[in-house]
Amino acid sequence: MTESNDKKVEFLKNIPLCENFSREDINRFAEMGNLKLFKKKSTIFIQSEPGEIFYIIAEGLVKISKIDEDGNEVIFAILGTGDFFGEMSIIDGELRSANAISLSDVKLFTYSKNIFFEFIKTNFNFSINLMKTFSMRIRSNDSSIKSMYLDSAQKRILFTFYDYIKKNGKLVDGKMILPNSVNQADLARLCCTSRETFSRTLKKLELNGFLERENKTLIIPDYKNFVSNFALSEI
């Protein structure tokens, strides 16, 4: 699929990966990227295959997961618009360590390994922005590990759910609105819990007025109160 370079530039200049890029750098980065479309539930890449492509999400949601030794799916992350993935195998030369699957129809900007390394070598801001994101992901992983030691399943679910909605929700007039592309089974796996336990926790939030549903959309009507009530920013 082709898309005007102006539209690519307009998108790329507003994502963290391209922060502080000059107009020339943004134009060059846009020109070098290809746009690919994947339907919902498409496999973008699979674990153990060679990694030759770097991806930026222009639209939609992608889950990064793997199947454990018992045949269960473990979800490491659910990524949204502006996020990137696929860089690990390019950097370390190892095979893909997980699967990437679309949770909705997605648009992805794709870059070859050679272009990825060219920008690392020639664009200081690109390298710095990569490292910033790596640092943020490490901090998030550290927090996720800490959450596993919380004294109740509900607290662990709330913490991981909070981390997810910060990244993927949309704050409008004090309400946090969550996309309806992710089903409860995937969110439960992200929280490392059963679907039943996750559903019970959401039901409690609904009964206490912290959560609302409109069709398949989840809404936190008073996001500030939600965060402060459960002391989520302090976990």
C-alpha atoms as a PDB file:
ATOM      1  CA  MET A   1       0.000   0.000   0.000  1.00  0.00           C
ATOM      2  CA  THR A   2       1.281   3.467  -0.850  1.00  0.00           C
ATOM      3  CA  GLU A   3       0.689   6.526   1.258  1.00  0.00           C
ATOM      4  CA  SER A   4       1.762  10.094   0.611  1.00  0.00           C
ATOM      5  CA  ASN A   5       5.062  11.061   2.149  1.00  0.00           C
ATOM      6  CA  ASP A   6       3.382  14.083   3.758  1.00  0.00           C
ATOM      7  CA  LYS A   7       1.039  11.786   5.722  1.00  0.00           C
ATOM      8  CA  LYS A   8       3.974   9.627   6.813  1.00  0.00           C
ATOM      9  CA  VAL A   9       5.897  12.705   7.949  1.00  0.00           C
ATOM     10  CA  GLU A  10       2.892  14.052   9.855  1.00  0.00           C
ATOM     11  CA  PHE A  11       2.587  10.777  11.773  1.00  0.00           C
ATOM     12  CA  LEU A  12       6.291  10.154  12.392  1.00  0.00           C
ATOM     13  CA  LYS A  13       7.093  13.624  13.689  1.00  0.00           C
ATOM     14  CA  ASN A  14       4.630  13.114  16.556  1.00  0.00           C
ATOM     15  CA  ILE A  15       5.953   9.811  17.927  1.00  0.00           C
ATOM     16  CA  PRO A  16       8.632   9.528  20.654  1.00  0.00           C
ATOM     17  CA  LEU A  17      11.014   7.584  18.411  1.00  0.00           C
ATOM     18  CA  CYS A  18      11.373  10.603  16.116  1.00  0.00           C
ATOM     19  CA  GLU A  19      11.592  13.256  18.831  1.00  0.00           C
ATOM     20  CA  ASN A  20      13.983  16.114  17.940  1.00  0.00           C
ATOM     21  CA  PHE A  21      14.374  14.923  14.335  1.00  0.00           C
ATOM     22  CA  SER A  22      15.105  17.666  11.845  1.00  0.00           C
ATOM     23  CA  ARG A  23      12.675  18.117   8.965  1.00  0.00           C
ATOM     24  CA  GLU A  24      15.285  16.565   6.666  1.00  0.00           C
ATOM     25  CA  ASP A  25      15.672  13.523   8.934  1.00  0.00           C
ATOM     26  CA  ILE A  26      11.904  13.038   9.205  1.00  0.00           C
ATOM     27  CA  ASN A  27      11.516  13.215   5.438  1.00  0.00           C
ATOM     28  CA  ARG A  28      14.315  10.722   4.880  1.00  0.00           C
ATOM     29  CA  PHE A  29      12.958   8.340   7.518  1.00  0.00           C
ATOM     30  CA  ALA A  30       9.473   8.543   5.984  1.00  0.00           C
ATOM     31  CA  GLU A  31      10.769   7.861   2.480  1.00  0.00           C
ATOM     32  CA  MET A  32      12.689   4.776   3.600  1.00  0.00           C
ATOM     33  CA  GLY A  33       9.720   3.144   5.331  1.00  0.00           C
ATOM     34  CA  ASN A  34       7.169   0.876   3.669  1.00  0.00           C
ATOM     35  CA  LEU A  35       3.555   0.698   4.806  1.00  0.00           C
ATOM     36  CA  LYS A  36       2.062  -2.749   5.364  1.00  0.00           C
ATOM     37  CA  LEU A  37      -1.478  -3.705   6.370  1.00  0.00           C
ATOM     38  CA  PHE A  38      -2.392  -6.694   8.514  1.00  0.00           C
ATOM     39  CA  LYS A  39      -5.910  -7.878   9.236  1.00  0.00           C
ATOM     40  CA  LYS A  40      -7.021  -8.613  12.798  1.00  0.00           C
ATOM     41  CA  LYS A  41      -5.503 -11.825  14.221  1.00  0.00           C
ATOM     42  CA  SER A  42      -2.767 -11.915  11.578  1.00  0.00           C
ATOM     43  CA  THR A  43       0.672 -13.281  12.460  1.00  0.00           C
ATOM     44  CA  ILE A  44       3.280 -10.598  11.792  1.00  0.00           C
ATOM     45  CA  PHE A  45       6.209 -12.798  12.786  1.00  0.00           C
ATOM     46  CA  ILE A  46       6.729 -15.932  14.839  1.00  0.00           C
ATOM     47  CA  GLN A  47       9.109 -17.022  17.535  1.00  0.00           C
ATOM     48  CA  SER A  48      12.403 -18.586  16.341  1.00  0.00           C
ATOM     49  CA  GLU A  49      12.397 -17.068  12.861  1.00  0.00           C
ATOM     50  CA  PRO A  50      15.179 -14.683  11.735  1.00  0.00           C
ATOM     51  CA  GLY A  51      14.572 -11.019  12.476  1.00  0.00           C
ATOM     52  CA  GLU A  52      15.190  -8.776   9.488  1.00  0.00           C
ATOM     53  CA  ILE A  53      12.462  -6.121   9.842  1.00  0.00           C
ATOM     54  CA  PHE A  54      11.830  -3.279  12.314  1.00  0.00           C
ATOM     55  CA  TYR A  55       8.195  -2.205  12.800  1.00  0.00           C
ATOM     56  CA  ILE A  56       6.459   0.998  13.876  1.00  0.00           C
ATOM     57  CA  ILE A  57       2.719   0.858  14.560  1.00  0.00           C
ATOM     58  CA  ALA A  58       0.937   3.550  12.555  1.00  0.00           C
ATOM     59  CA  GLU A  59      -2.510   2.338  13.592  1.00  0.00           C
ATOM     60  CA  GLY A  60      -3.937  -0.529  15.631  1.00  0.00           C
ATOM     61  CA  LEU A  61      -2.822  -2.914  18.374  1.00  0.00           C
ATOM     62  CA  VAL A  62      -0.236  -5.705  18.376  1.00  0.00           C
ATOM     63  CA  LYS A  63       0.447  -8.277  21.087  1.00  0.00           C
ATOM     64  CA  ILE A  64       3.885  -9.699  21.739  1.00  0.00           C
ATOM     65  CA  SER A  65       3.617 -13.200  23.190  1.00  0.00           C
ATOM     66  CA  LYS A  66       5.016 -16.710  23.261  1.00  0.00           C
ATOM     67  CA  ILE A  67       3.787 -20.209  24.046  1.00  0.00           C
ATOM     68  CA  ASP A  68       5.309 -21.704  27.202  1.00  0.00           C
ATOM     69  CA  GLU A  69       6.348 -25.316  27.756  1.00  0.00           C
ATOM     70  CA  ASP A  70       2.835 -26.207  28.922  1.00  0.00           C
ATOM     71  CA  GLY A  71       1.243 -24.840  25.775  1.00  0.00           C
ATOM     72  CA  ASN A  72      -0.104 -21.679  27.427  1.00  0.00           C
ATOM     73  CA  GLU A  73       0.183 -18.257  25.852  1.00  0.00           C
ATOM     74  CA  VAL A  74       2.204 -15.710  27.820  1.00  0.00           C
ATOM     75  CA  ILE A  75       1.658 -12.083  26.766  1.00  0.00           C
ATOM     76  CA  PHE A  76       4.611  -9.765  27.310  1.00  0.00           C
ATOM     77  CA  ALA A  77       3.109  -6.580  25.926  1.00  0.00           C
ATOM     78  CA  ILE A  78       0.209  -5.062  24.034  1.00  0.00           C
ATOM     79  CA  LEU A  79       1.521  -2.262  21.838  1.00  0.00           C
ATOM     80  CA  GLY A  80      -0.398   0.579  20.220  1.00  0.00           C
ATOM     81  CA  THR A  81      -0.055   3.464  17.807  1.00  0.00           C
ATOM     82  CA  GLY A  82       3.430   4.999  17.907  1.00  0.00           C
ATOM     83  CA  ASP A  83       5.071   1.986  19.535  1.00  0.00           C
ATOM     84  CA  PHE A  84       7.785  -0.009  17.806  1.00  0.00           C
ATOM     85  CA  PHE A  85       8.881  -3.642  17.943  1.00  0.00           C
ATOM     86  CA  GLY A  86      11.124  -6.175  16.223  1.00  0.00           C
ATOM     87  CA  GLU A  87      14.369  -4.429  17.123  1.00  0.00           C
ATOM     88  CA  MET A  88      15.788  -7.081  19.480  1.00  0.00           C
ATOM     89  CA  SER A  89      16.644  -9.679  16.844  1.00  0.00           C
ATOM     90  CA  ILE A  90      18.084  -7.026  14.571  1.00  0.00           C
ATOM     91  CA  ILE A  91      20.372  -5.708  17.311  1.00  0.00           C
ATOM     92  CA  ASP A  92      21.605  -9.002  18.796  1.00  0.00           C
ATOM     93  CA  GLY A  93      21.418 -11.151  15.660  1.00  0.00           C
ATOM     94  CA  GLU A  94      19.429 -13.862  17.436  1.00  0.00           C
ATOM     95  CA  LEU A  95      16.167 -15.426  16.287  1.00  0.00           C
ATOM     96  CA  ARG A  96      12.833 -13.869  17.211  1.00  0.00           C
ATOM     97  CA  SER A  97      12.134 -14.517  20.904  1.00  0.00           C
ATOM     98  CA  ALA A  98       8.347 -14.101  20.674  1.00  0.00           C
ATOM     99  CA  ASN A  99       5.374 -13.904  18.336  1.00  0.00           C
ATOM    100  CA  ALA A 100       3.801 -10.675  17.089  1.00  0.00           C
ATOM    101  CA  ILE A 101       0.066 -10.899  16.363  1.00  0.00           C
ATOM    102  CA  SER A 102      -2.369  -8.151  15.381  1.00  0.00           C
ATOM    103  CA  LEU A 103      -5.263  -7.609  17.796  1.00  0.00           C
ATOM    104  CA  SER A 104      -7.015  -5.337  15.304  1.00  0.00           C
ATOM    105  CA  ASP A 105      -6.530  -4.307  11.715  1.00  0.00           C
ATOM    106  CA  VAL A 106      -3.117  -2.637  11.809  1.00  0.00           C
ATOM    107  CA  LYS A 107      -0.951  -0.373   9.693  1.00  0.00           C
ATOM    108  CA  LEU A 108       2.779  -0.815  10.169  1.00  0.00           C
ATOM    109  CA  PHE A 109       5.748   1.128   8.883  1.00  0.00           C
ATOM    110  CA  THR A 110       8.488  -1.397   8.144  1.00  0.00           C
ATOM    111  CA  TYR A 111      12.231  -0.833   7.877  1.00  0.00           C
ATOM    112  CA  SER A 112      14.917  -3.262   6.795  1.00  0.00           C
ATOM    113  CA  LYS A 113      17.796  -4.177   9.075  1.00  0.00           C
ATOM    114  CA  ASN A 114      20.194  -2.154   6.921  1.00  0.00           C
ATOM    115  CA  ILE A 115      18.083   0.997   7.177  1.00  0.00           C
ATOM    116  CA  PHE A 116      17.672   0.502  10.940  1.00  0.00           C
ATOM    117  CA  PHE A 117      21.440   0.316  11.445  1.00  0.00           C
ATOM    118  CA  GLU A 118      22.025   3.217   9.078  1.00  0.00           C
ATOM    119  CA  PHE A 119      19.862   5.464  11.257  1.00  0.00           C
ATOM    120  CA  ILE A 120      21.581   4.276  14.413  1.00  0.00           C
ATOM    121  CA  LYS A 121      24.946   5.174  12.896  1.00  0.00           C
ATOM    122  CA  THR A 122      23.968   8.494  11.343  1.00  0.00           C
ATOM    123  CA  ASN A 123      21.217   9.922  13.549  1.00  0.00           C
ATOM    124  CA  PHE A 124      22.083  10.668  17.171  1.00  0.00           C
ATOM    125  CA  ASN A 125      18.469  11.456  18.122  1.00  0.00           C
ATOM    126  CA  PHE A 126      17.245   8.139  16.732  1.00  0.00           C
ATOM    127  CA  SER A 127      19.768   6.282  18.919  1.00  0.00           C
ATOM    128  CA  ILE A 128      18.909   8.337  22.010  1.00  0.00           C
ATOM    129  CA  ASN A 129      15.174   7.831  21.499  1.00  0.00           C
ATOM    130  CA  LEU A 130      15.675   4.078  21.135  1.00  0.00           C
ATOM    131  CA  MET A 131      17.609   4.013  24.418  1.00  0.00           C
ATOM    132  CA  LYS A 132      14.936   6.083  26.176  1.00  0.00           C
ATOM    133  CA  THR A 133      12.297   3.568  25.141  1.00  0.00           C
ATOM    134  CA  PHE A 134      14.488   0.639  26.198  1.00  0.00           C
ATOM    135  CA  SER A 135      14.928   2.304  29.594  1.00  0.00           C
ATOM    136  CA  MET A 136      11.170   2.847  29.963  1.00  0.00           C
ATOM    137  CA  ARG A 137      10.504  -0.800  29.080  1.00  0.00           C
ATOM    138  CA  ILE A 138      13.046  -2.009  31.633  1.00  0.00           C
ATOM    139  CA  ARG A 139      11.419   0.176  34.303  1.00  0.00           C
ATOM    140  CA  SER A 140       8.012  -1.205  33.337  1.00  0.00           C
ATOM    141  CA  ASN A 141       9.326  -4.765  33.541  1.00  0.00           C
ATOM    142  CA  ASP A 142      10.838  -4.046  36.958  1.00  0.00           C
ATOM    143  CA  SER A 143       7.488  -2.733  38.135  1.00  0.00           C
ATOM    144  CA  SER A 144       5.713  -5.790  36.731  1.00  0.00           C
ATOM    145  CA  ILE A 145       8.062  -8.082  38.636  1.00  0.00           C
ATOM    146  CA  LYS A 146       7.409  -6.110  41.836  1.00  0.00           C
ATOM    147  CA  SER A 147       3.662  -6.413  41.250  1.00  0.00           C
ATOM    148  CA  MET A 148       3.960 -10.206  41.376  1.00  0.00           C
ATOM    149  CA  TYR A 149       4.828  -9.900  45.067  1.00  0.00           C
ATOM    150  CA  LEU A 150       1.721  -7.902  45.955  1.00  0.00           C
ATOM    151  CA  ASP A 151      -0.452  -9.613  48.535  1.00  0.00           C
ATOM    152  CA  SER A 152      -3.576 -10.216  46.449  1.00  0.00           C
ATOM    153  CA  ALA A 153      -4.528 -11.187  42.906  1.00  0.00           C
ATOM    154  CA  GLN A 154      -6.708  -8.072  42.697  1.00  0.00           C
ATOM    155  CA  LYS A 155      -3.761  -5.770  43.401  1.00  0.00           C
ATOM    156  CA  ARG A 156      -1.626  -7.540  40.802  1.00  0.00           C
ATOM    157  CA  ILE A 157      -4.402  -7.233  38.220  1.00  0.00           C
ATOM    158  CA  LEU A 158      -4.998  -3.563  39.045  1.00  0.00           C
ATOM    159  CA  PHE A 159      -1.310  -2.750  38.706  1.00  0.00           C
ATOM    160  CA  THR A 160      -0.889  -4.444  35.313  1.00  0.00           C
ATOM    161  CA  PHE A 161      -4.238  -3.105  34.083  1.00  0.00           C
ATOM    162  CA  TYR A 162      -3.164   0.395  35.141  1.00  0.00           C
ATOM    163  CA  ASP A 163       0.120   0.033  33.242  1.00  0.00           C
ATOM    164  CA  TYR A 164      -1.798  -1.094  30.158  1.00  0.00           C
ATOM    165  CA  ILE A 165      -4.357   1.710  30.197  1.00  0.00           C
ATOM    166  CA  LYS A 166      -1.641   4.363  30.674  1.00  0.00           C
ATOM    167  CA  LYS A 167      -0.098   3.236  27.398  1.00  0.00           C
ATOM    168  CA  ASN A 168      -3.185   2.401  25.353  1.00  0.00           C
ATOM    169  CA  GLY A 169      -6.121   4.338  26.799  1.00  0.00           C
ATOM    170  CA  LYS A 170      -7.338   7.735  25.651  1.00  0.00           C
ATOM    171  CA  LEU A 171      -7.990  10.388  28.303  1.00  0.00           C
ATOM    172  CA  VAL A 172     -10.975  12.577  27.395  1.00  0.00           C
ATOM    173  CA  ASP A 173     -12.431  15.101  29.875  1.00  0.00           C
ATOM    174  CA  GLY A 174     -11.175  13.131  32.859  1.00  0.00           C
ATOM    175  CA  LYS A 175     -12.456   9.806  31.494  1.00  0.00           C
ATOM    176  CA  MET A 176     -10.085   7.057  30.394  1.00  0.00           C
ATOM    177  CA  ILE A 177     -11.455   5.254  27.340  1.00  0.00           C
ATOM    178  CA  LEU A 178     -10.000   1.879  26.370  1.00  0.00           C
ATOM    179  CA  PRO A 179     -10.076   0.464  22.838  1.00  0.00           C
ATOM    180  CA  ASN A 180     -12.378  -2.481  22.295  1.00  0.00           C
ATOM    181  CA  SER A 181      -9.874  -4.416  20.179  1.00  0.00           C
ATOM    182  CA  VAL A 182      -8.428  -6.348  23.118  1.00  0.00           C
ATOM    183  CA  ASN A 183     -10.532  -9.162  24.559  1.00  0.00           C
ATOM    184  CA  GLN A 184     -10.627 -10.067  28.234  1.00  0.00           C
ATOM    185  CA  ALA A 185      -8.748 -13.323  27.668  1.00  0.00           C
ATOM    186  CA  ASP A 186      -5.738 -11.405  26.308  1.00  0.00           C
ATOM    187  CA  LEU A 187      -5.899  -8.833  29.109  1.00  0.00           C
ATOM    188  CA  ALA A 188      -6.042 -11.671  31.657  1.00  0.00           C
ATOM    189  CA  ARG A 189      -2.949 -13.269  30.133  1.00  0.00           C
ATOM    190  CA  LEU A 190      -1.195  -9.909  30.230  1.00  0.00           C
ATOM    191  CA  CYS A 191      -2.018  -9.780  33.956  1.00  0.00           C
ATOM    192  CA  CYS A 192      -0.795 -13.377  34.406  1.00  0.00           C
ATOM    193  CA  THR A 193      -4.120 -14.512  35.791  1.00  0.00           C
ATOM    194  CA  SER A 194      -7.137 -16.539  34.719  1.00  0.00           C
ATOM    195  CA  ARG A 195      -9.925 -15.005  32.678  1.00  0.00           C
ATOM    196  CA  GLU A 196     -12.365 -15.784  35.502  1.00  0.00           C
ATOM    197  CA  THR A 197     -10.291 -13.935  38.136  1.00  0.00           C
ATOM    198  CA  PHE A 198      -9.792 -10.992  35.786  1.00  0.00           C
ATOM    199  CA  SER A 199     -13.525 -10.834  35.008  1.00  0.00           C
ATOM    200  CA  ARG A 200     -14.425 -10.896  38.717  1.00  0.00           C
ATOM    201  CA  THR A 201     -12.041  -7.995  39.360  1.00  0.00           C
ATOM    202  CA  LEU A 202     -13.574  -5.926  36.550  1.00  0.00           C
ATOM    203  CA  LYS A 203     -17.052  -6.734  37.855  1.00  0.00           C
ATOM    204  CA  LYS A 204     -16.090  -5.434  41.313  1.00  0.00           C
ATOM    205  CA  LEU A 205     -14.787  -2.239  39.716  1.00  0.00           C
ATOM    206  CA  GLU A 206     -18.098  -1.847  37.880  1.00  0.00           C
ATOM    207  CA  LEU A 207     -20.195  -2.432  41.001  1.00  0.00           C
ATOM    208  CA  ASN A 208     -18.186   0.198  42.870  1.00  0.00           C
ATOM    209  CA  GLY A 209     -18.489   2.770  40.098  1.00  0.00           C
ATOM    210  CA  PHE A 210     -14.858   2.747  38.999  1.00  0.00           C
ATOM    211  CA  LEU A 211     -15.540   1.169  35.620  1.00  0.00           C
ATOM    212  CA  GLU A 212     -18.277   1.382  32.996  1.00  0.00           C
ATOM    213  CA  ARG A 213     -18.998  -0.482  29.778  1.00  0.00           C
ATOM    214  CA  GLU A 214     -20.477   0.864  26.581  1.00  0.00           C
ATOM    215  CA  ASN A 215     -20.878  -2.099  24.243  1.00  0.00           C
ATOM    216  CA  LYS A 216     -17.307  -3.468  24.145  1.00  0.00           C
ATOM    217  CA  THR A 217     -15.629  -0.247  25.237  1.00  0.00           C
ATOM    218  CA  LEU A 218     -14.310   0.047  28.796  1.00  0.00           C
ATOM    219  CA  ILE A 219     -14.514   3.478  30.425  1.00  0.00           C
ATOM    220  CA  ILE A 220     -13.026   4.688  33.689  1.00  0.00           C
ATOM    221  CA  PRO A 221     -15.345   7.668  34.369  1.00  0.00           C
ATOM    222  CA  ASP A 222     -13.069   9.386  36.916  1.00  0.00           C
ATOM    223  CA  TYR A 223      -9.527   8.381  36.069  1.00  0.00           C
ATOM    224  CA  LYS A 224      -7.855  10.599  38.668  1.00  0.00           C
ATOM    225  CA  ASN A 225     -10.016   9.096  41.410  1.00  0.00           C
ATOM    226  CA  PHE A 226      -9.323   5.585  40.112  1.00  0.00           C
ATOM    227  CA  VAL A 227      -5.554   6.108  40.362  1.00  0.00           C
ATOM    228  CA  SER A 228      -5.640   7.779  43.775  1.00  0.00           C
ATOM    229  CA  ASN A 229      -8.173   5.373  45.300  1.00  0.00           C
ATOM    230  CA  PHE A 230      -5.982   2.351  44.609  1.00  0.00           C
ATOM    231  CA  ALA A 231      -2.684   4.235  45.157  1.00  0.00           C
ATOM    232  CA  LEU A 232      -1.556   2.900  41.779  1.00  0.00           C
ATOM    233  CA  SER A 233       1.034   5.600  41.164  1.00  0.00           C
ATOM    234  CA  GLU A 234       2.758   4.535  44.371  1.00  0.00           C
ATOM    235  CA  ILE A 235       3.065   0.800  43.629  1.00  0.00           C
END
